[in-house]
Amino acid sequence: DGQAPNLRGLAMTAKSTRDGGVPMSAVLAAAATATVAAVVWMAKRRSAGSALDRGLKEAATTPPRDVDATGKPLTKAGIHGLRKSQFCPAQSVSYANVDPLLVVRGEGARLYDERGRSFLDTRNNVGHCGHSCPAVVKAIASQAAALNTNMRYLHPNHVVLAQKLLAKCPDPLDRVFFVNSGSEANDLALRLARTKTNHEEIICVQHAYHGHTHEVINISPYKFNHKGGKGQKPWVHVVDAPDTFRGAYREDDPEAGPKYAQQVADTCEKIKNGTAGTGGGVAAFFIESGMSVAGVILPPTGYLKKCYQAVRAAGGVCVADEVQVRAGWSLG
């Protein structure tokens, strides 16, 4: 059944023998049975591993599908036509107004189309390890071949991963939630912040993008202030992005960080005294520790420290959205 042999019966037999309850011949027979079971189990695992390796090699060299669900041949134009007829137009296709890419594989930092042309991938969101990283591919395939369930059961991988993550976190960060996407992580962070503080008001940064659930769109100016957006909610407070290239305070100003942070402190004070917001108190300050949509902005020195001090003094929680930039950056 793919499971390691259970040796508990052998241990119990050995204990009974030691206590004088079972003859040694029974112990030897149990040991032989357990040994055979272990050998068979190991052979199965080796066979499964070999099959997995073969499957991975085959998948890496298999050409993309060339017929649709009805058996009709698929061309690039046909694929584009089906995409337009079967998908919501909000799911845009890059370069559709010129010549959309039909990407069939990726490797490292490059994508390859159906003609074998190579493109440097500068747009594909979160791909920190590169495309088709062998270690990542094998880890995913190996786990899928062994087990795929949700978190309601115990498994060693859950706790070991949590240990490794928490070992890199400063005090007092000592809990983890494993979720399926950055949007879900930020949505959960918003709920946790409001539950902890019993406050409603959220401070975010101009041009920020925190995901596409209903709640995090509300704290993403990049979404709510653009086409299709519903505008700013009364409990959302937008501060300027700490842009030292285009903004009010430039990179030649050594106090640019604290100056931008002062806007966050002032917003906290306005919420506190009731001159801004709905009177709900500061729940959280959300910021991408490296702002991608805003123009690849890294906060200037001292910015995050001053912002966090002001928000925490107002009773709020600071949320570092590191979905795009990767966890663990030390900035400001």
Protein backbone atom coordinates (compact mmCIF):
# COMPACT_ATOMS: atom_id res chain seq x y z
CA ASP A 1 0.00 0.00 0.00
CA GLY A 2 3.04 2.31 -0.20
CA GLN A 3 3.33 2.70 3.58
CA ALA A 4 6.36 1.81 5.66
CA PRO A 5 5.94 -1.52 7.52
CA ASN A 6 4.64 -1.19 11.07
CA LEU A 7 7.14 -2.79 13.46
CA ARG A 8 5.03 -2.24 16.57
CA GLY A 9 3.93 -5.87 16.58
CA LEU A 10 7.56 -7.01 16.53
CA ALA A 11 8.40 -4.76 19.48
CA MET A 12 5.43 -6.05 21.48
CA THR A 13 6.46 -9.65 20.68
CA ALA A 14 10.00 -8.98 21.86
CA LYS A 15 8.69 -7.50 25.12
CA SER A 16 6.45 -10.51 25.70
CA THR A 17 9.41 -12.83 25.13
CA ARG A 18 11.54 -10.89 27.57
CA ASP A 19 8.74 -11.25 30.13
CA GLY A 20 8.57 -14.94 29.45
CA GLY A 21 5.28 -14.99 27.55
CA VAL A 22 6.33 -15.91 23.98
CA PRO A 23 8.91 -18.43 22.73
CA MET A 24 11.99 -17.12 20.89
CA SER A 25 10.98 -18.92 17.71
CA ALA A 26 7.93 -16.65 17.46
CA VAL A 27 10.16 -13.60 17.85
CA LEU A 28 12.47 -14.80 15.07
CA ALA A 29 9.51 -15.48 12.79
CA ALA A 30 8.10 -12.01 13.46
CA ALA A 31 11.52 -10.48 12.80
CA ALA A 32 11.83 -12.33 9.51
CA THR A 33 8.34 -11.19 8.46
CA ALA A 34 9.12 -7.58 9.36
CA THR A 35 12.43 -7.73 7.47
CA VAL A 36 10.74 -9.05 4.34
CA ALA A 37 8.05 -6.35 4.63
CA ALA A 38 10.73 -3.67 4.98
CA VAL A 39 12.63 -4.96 1.95
CA VAL A 40 9.44 -5.07 -0.13
CA TRP A 41 8.49 -1.55 0.98
CA MET A 42 11.95 -0.19 0.10
CA ALA A 43 11.80 -1.89 -3.30
CA LYS A 44 8.40 -0.31 -3.95
CA ARG A 45 9.74 3.11 -3.02
CA ARG A 46 12.77 2.67 -5.29
CA SER A 47 10.50 1.57 -8.14
CA ALA A 48 8.21 4.55 -7.56
CA GLY A 49 11.24 6.86 -7.54
CA SER A 50 12.49 5.46 -10.84
CA ALA A 51 9.04 5.80 -12.39
CA LEU A 52 8.87 9.38 -11.13
CA ASP A 53 12.23 10.23 -12.70
CA ARG A 54 11.12 8.70 -15.99
CA GLY A 55 7.84 10.62 -15.82
CA LEU A 56 9.62 13.91 -15.20
CA LYS A 57 11.96 13.38 -18.14
CA GLU A 58 9.02 12.47 -20.38
CA ALA A 59 7.02 15.51 -19.26
CA ALA A 60 9.97 17.83 -19.93
CA THR A 61 10.27 16.63 -23.53
CA THR A 62 6.59 16.16 -24.40
CA PRO A 63 5.42 18.71 -27.01
CA PRO A 64 2.42 20.89 -26.13
CA ARG A 65 -1.10 19.78 -26.97
CA ASP A 66 -1.83 20.25 -30.67
CA VAL A 67 -5.57 19.41 -30.78
CA ASP A 68 -8.53 20.85 -28.88
CA ALA A 69 -11.07 18.94 -26.78
CA THR A 70 -13.00 17.94 -29.92
CA GLY A 71 -9.93 16.69 -31.77
CA LYS A 72 -9.56 19.68 -34.08
CA PRO A 73 -6.00 20.88 -34.80
CA LEU A 74 -4.85 23.81 -32.67
CA THR A 75 -3.00 26.75 -34.13
CA LYS A 76 -1.76 29.85 -32.34
CA ALA A 77 -4.63 31.86 -33.83
CA GLY A 78 -7.07 29.15 -32.82
CA ILE A 79 -5.81 29.14 -29.24
CA HIS A 80 -6.13 32.92 -29.09
CA GLY A 81 -9.66 32.69 -30.45
CA LEU A 82 -10.69 30.09 -27.86
CA ARG A 83 -9.10 32.19 -25.13
CA LYS A 84 -11.19 35.20 -26.15
CA SER A 85 -14.42 33.21 -26.49
CA GLN A 86 -14.10 31.12 -23.31
CA PHE A 87 -12.40 33.44 -20.79
CA CYS A 88 -13.46 36.66 -19.11
CA PRO A 89 -11.80 39.62 -20.89
CA ALA A 90 -10.51 40.80 -17.50
CA GLN A 91 -7.97 37.96 -17.83
CA SER A 92 -5.85 39.85 -20.31
CA VAL A 93 -3.26 38.40 -22.67
CA SER A 94 0.05 40.25 -22.92
CA TYR A 95 0.85 41.71 -26.35
CA ALA A 96 -2.59 40.71 -27.65
CA ASN A 97 -2.76 43.97 -29.64
CA VAL A 98 0.41 43.03 -31.53
CA ASP A 99 1.35 39.37 -31.41
CA PRO A 100 0.53 37.40 -28.23
CA LEU A 101 3.13 34.90 -27.12
CA LEU A 102 2.35 31.20 -27.28
CA VAL A 103 4.67 30.06 -24.50
CA VAL A 104 5.26 26.32 -24.38
CA ARG A 105 8.06 25.99 -21.83
CA GLY A 106 10.39 27.87 -19.52
CA GLU A 107 13.90 27.37 -18.20
CA GLY A 108 15.69 29.57 -15.72
CA ALA A 109 14.94 33.21 -16.53
CA ARG A 110 13.76 32.55 -20.09
CA LEU A 111 10.52 31.56 -21.82
CA TYR A 112 10.27 29.74 -25.15
CA ASP A 113 7.50 29.93 -27.73
CA GLU A 114 6.21 27.33 -30.17
CA ARG A 115 8.90 28.31 -32.68
CA GLY A 116 11.73 27.88 -30.19
CA ARG A 117 12.32 31.62 -29.77
CA SER A 118 13.75 32.61 -26.39
CA PHE A 119 12.47 35.56 -24.36
CA LEU A 120 13.92 37.02 -21.15
CA ASP A 121 11.06 36.78 -18.64
CA THR A 122 10.68 40.15 -16.92
CA ARG A 123 6.91 39.95 -16.34
CA ASN A 124 5.91 36.60 -14.91
CA ASN A 125 5.31 37.67 -11.29
CA VAL A 126 6.66 35.38 -8.60
CA GLY A 127 9.30 33.07 -10.06
CA HIS A 128 12.14 33.35 -7.58
CA CYS A 129 13.78 30.01 -8.41
CA GLY A 130 13.42 30.35 -12.15
CA HIS A 131 11.31 28.24 -14.48
CA SER A 132 11.57 24.44 -14.29
CA CYS A 133 14.06 24.47 -11.41
CA PRO A 134 14.94 20.74 -11.14
CA ALA A 135 14.93 20.69 -7.33
CA VAL A 136 11.52 22.40 -7.14
CA VAL A 137 10.01 20.25 -9.89
CA LYS A 138 11.17 17.03 -8.26
CA ALA A 139 9.99 18.12 -4.80
CA ILE A 140 6.51 18.94 -6.10
CA ALA A 141 6.25 15.75 -8.14
CA SER A 142 7.57 13.56 -5.32
CA GLN A 143 5.07 14.96 -2.83
CA ALA A 144 2.19 14.67 -5.30
CA ALA A 145 3.16 11.04 -5.89
CA ALA A 146 3.14 10.30 -2.15
CA LEU A 147 0.34 12.40 -0.64
CA ASN A 148 -1.81 15.45 -1.33
CA THR A 149 -4.22 16.49 1.43
CA ASN A 150 -5.10 19.65 3.30
CA MET A 151 -3.80 20.63 6.73
CA ARG A 152 -6.31 18.72 8.86
CA TYR A 153 -3.91 15.79 9.27
CA LEU A 154 -0.47 15.63 10.84
CA HIS A 155 2.55 15.41 8.56
CA PRO A 156 6.26 15.95 9.30
CA ASN A 157 6.74 18.30 6.33
CA HIS A 158 4.32 20.84 7.79
CA VAL A 159 6.17 21.25 11.05
CA VAL A 160 9.68 21.04 9.58
CA LEU A 161 8.89 23.79 7.07
CA ALA A 162 7.43 25.90 9.88
CA GLN A 163 10.59 25.33 11.93
CA LYS A 164 12.81 26.49 9.07
CA LEU A 165 10.71 29.58 8.40
CA LEU A 166 10.47 30.62 12.04
CA ALA A 167 14.23 30.16 12.49
CA LYS A 168 14.64 33.08 10.07
CA CYS A 169 12.05 35.30 11.78
CA PRO A 170 12.83 37.78 14.55
CA ASP A 171 11.02 37.68 17.87
CA PRO A 172 8.12 37.73 18.55
CA LEU A 173 7.10 36.11 15.25
CA ASP A 174 6.44 32.51 16.30
CA ARG A 175 3.34 31.34 14.36
CA VAL A 176 2.71 30.44 10.73
CA PHE A 177 -0.29 30.08 8.44
CA PHE A 178 0.19 28.12 5.22
CA VAL A 179 -2.10 29.46 2.48
CA ASN A 180 -2.49 29.07 -1.28
CA SER A 181 -1.73 32.55 -2.62
CA GLY A 182 -0.49 36.02 -1.82
CA SER A 183 -4.04 37.36 -2.05
CA GLU A 184 -5.19 34.84 0.53
CA ALA A 185 -2.25 35.66 2.80
CA ASN A 186 -3.03 39.40 2.76
CA ASP A 187 -6.75 38.80 3.20
CA LEU A 188 -5.97 36.70 6.26
CA ALA A 189 -3.54 39.33 7.58
CA LEU A 190 -6.30 41.94 7.31
CA ARG A 191 -8.71 39.75 9.26
CA LEU A 192 -6.12 38.99 11.93
CA ALA A 193 -5.23 42.66 12.34
CA ARG A 194 -8.85 43.67 12.80
CA THR A 195 -9.48 40.81 15.20
CA LYS A 196 -6.46 41.70 17.33
CA THR A 197 -7.03 45.46 17.43
CA ASN A 198 -10.83 45.57 17.20
CA HIS A 199 -10.24 48.52 14.83
CA GLU A 200 -11.25 49.03 11.19
CA GLU A 201 -9.05 51.70 9.58
CA ILE A 202 -6.31 50.63 7.16
CA ILE A 203 -3.37 52.71 5.94
CA CYS A 204 -1.85 51.75 2.58
CA VAL A 205 0.56 53.26 0.06
CA GLN A 206 -0.26 54.91 -3.25
CA HIS A 207 -0.10 52.47 -6.21
CA ALA A 208 -0.03 49.48 -3.83
CA TYR A 209 -1.26 46.09 -5.00
CA HIS A 210 -2.04 43.50 -2.33
CA GLY A 211 -4.09 40.98 -4.27
CA HIS A 212 -7.50 40.40 -5.82
CA THR A 213 -9.86 39.19 -3.12
CA HIS A 214 -12.71 41.58 -2.38
CA GLU A 215 -11.10 42.90 0.79
CA VAL A 216 -7.54 43.37 -0.41
CA ILE A 217 -8.67 45.11 -3.59
CA ASN A 218 -10.13 47.69 -1.21
CA ILE A 219 -6.63 48.39 0.14
CA SER A 220 -4.96 48.33 -3.28
CA PRO A 221 -5.03 51.78 -4.95
CA TYR A 222 -3.61 50.17 -8.09
CA LYS A 223 -6.95 48.35 -8.35
CA PHE A 224 -9.63 50.54 -6.79
CA ASN A 225 -8.38 53.74 -8.46
CA HIS A 226 -8.21 52.26 -11.95
CA LYS A 227 -10.62 51.05 -14.61
CA GLY A 228 -13.28 48.84 -13.07
CA GLY A 229 -12.39 49.90 -9.54
CA LYS A 230 -15.01 51.09 -7.06
CA GLY A 231 -13.00 53.92 -5.56
CA GLN A 232 -11.57 54.44 -2.09
CA LYS A 233 -13.51 53.21 0.93
CA PRO A 234 -13.94 55.61 3.88
CA TRP A 235 -11.90 53.29 6.13
CA VAL A 236 -8.93 53.27 3.74
CA HIS A 237 -6.21 55.92 4.05
CA VAL A 238 -3.67 56.28 1.22
CA VAL A 239 -0.23 57.82 1.83
CA ASP A 240 2.37 58.74 -0.78
CA ALA A 241 4.76 56.06 -1.97
CA PRO A 242 8.27 56.73 -0.63
CA ASP A 243 9.58 57.34 -4.14
CA THR A 244 13.01 58.98 -4.02
CA PHE A 245 13.21 59.14 -7.83
CA ARG A 246 9.93 60.86 -8.73
CA GLY A 247 8.48 61.88 -5.37
CA ALA A 248 8.58 64.96 -3.15
CA TYR A 249 11.76 63.83 -1.36
CA ARG A 250 14.60 62.58 -3.54
CA GLU A 251 17.56 60.27 -3.03
CA ASP A 252 19.93 63.17 -2.36
CA ASP A 253 17.92 63.99 0.79
CA PRO A 254 19.30 61.97 3.74
CA GLU A 255 16.03 62.57 5.61
CA ALA A 256 13.78 61.34 2.79
CA GLY A 257 12.77 58.22 4.74
CA PRO A 258 11.61 59.99 7.93
CA LYS A 259 9.93 62.72 5.86
CA TYR A 260 7.83 60.22 3.93
CA ALA A 261 7.10 58.35 7.17
CA GLN A 262 5.75 61.52 8.74
CA GLN A 263 2.70 61.25 6.48
CA VAL A 264 1.94 57.87 8.02
CA ALA A 265 2.35 59.30 11.52
CA ASP A 266 0.07 62.24 10.65
CA THR A 267 -2.55 59.86 9.26
CA CYS A 268 -2.46 57.81 12.46
CA GLU A 269 -3.02 60.99 14.47
CA LYS A 270 -5.96 62.07 12.28
CA ILE A 271 -7.60 58.66 12.68
CA LYS A 272 -7.02 58.78 16.41
CA ASN A 273 -8.57 62.23 16.90
CA GLY A 274 -11.47 61.47 14.55
CA THR A 275 -10.68 63.97 11.79
CA ALA A 276 -10.20 61.15 9.27
CA GLY A 277 -11.89 57.81 8.67
CA THR A 278 -14.92 56.26 10.30
CA GLY A 279 -13.80 56.49 13.90
CA GLY A 280 -12.70 52.87 14.02
CA GLY A 281 -9.07 53.32 15.10
CA VAL A 282 -5.96 52.13 13.24
CA ALA A 283 -6.13 48.41 12.49
CA ALA A 284 -3.10 48.03 10.23
CA PHE A 285 -0.54 49.60 7.93
CA PHE A 286 0.02 47.53 4.79
CA ILE A 287 3.15 48.00 2.70
CA GLU A 288 5.08 46.01 0.15
CA SER A 289 8.66 46.01 1.38
CA GLY A 290 9.65 46.33 -2.26
CA MET A 291 6.89 48.06 -4.24
CA SER A 292 6.64 46.49 -7.69
CA VAL A 293 3.57 48.03 -9.33
CA ALA A 294 4.53 51.46 -7.94
CA GLY A 295 7.72 51.36 -10.00
CA VAL A 296 10.15 49.01 -8.22
CA ILE A 297 10.54 51.26 -5.19
CA LEU A 298 12.66 50.24 -2.22
CA PRO A 299 11.82 52.21 0.94
CA PRO A 300 14.52 54.75 1.84
CA THR A 301 16.56 54.31 5.00
CA GLY A 302 14.56 54.88 8.15
CA TYR A 303 11.15 54.83 6.44
CA LEU A 304 9.79 51.50 7.66
CA LYS A 305 11.16 51.97 11.17
CA LYS A 306 9.44 55.34 11.60
CA CYS A 307 6.21 54.11 10.01
CA TYR A 308 6.07 51.04 12.23
CA GLN A 309 6.72 53.07 15.36
CA ALA A 310 3.85 55.43 14.55
CA VAL A 311 1.39 52.67 13.66
CA ARG A 312 2.17 50.58 16.73
CA ALA A 313 1.91 53.63 18.96
CA ALA A 314 -1.60 54.14 17.53
CA GLY A 315 -2.52 50.54 18.42
CA GLY A 316 -2.25 49.17 14.91
CA VAL A 317 -0.50 46.19 13.33
CA CYS A 318 2.21 46.46 10.65
CA VAL A 319 1.89 44.09 7.70
CA ALA A 320 4.91 43.60 5.42
CA ASP A 321 3.58 42.25 2.13
CA GLU A 322 6.56 40.35 0.73
CA VAL A 323 4.73 38.15 -1.75
CA GLN A 324 6.42 39.69 -4.78
CA VAL A 325 9.82 40.53 -3.34
CA ARG A 326 10.28 37.32 -1.27
CA ALA A 327 10.25 37.03 2.50
CA GLY A 328 13.20 38.13 4.55
CA TRP A 329 14.33 41.43 3.06
CA SER A 330 15.84 43.83 5.57
CA LEU A 331 15.00 47.35 4.48
CA GLY A 332 15.04 50.62 6.44
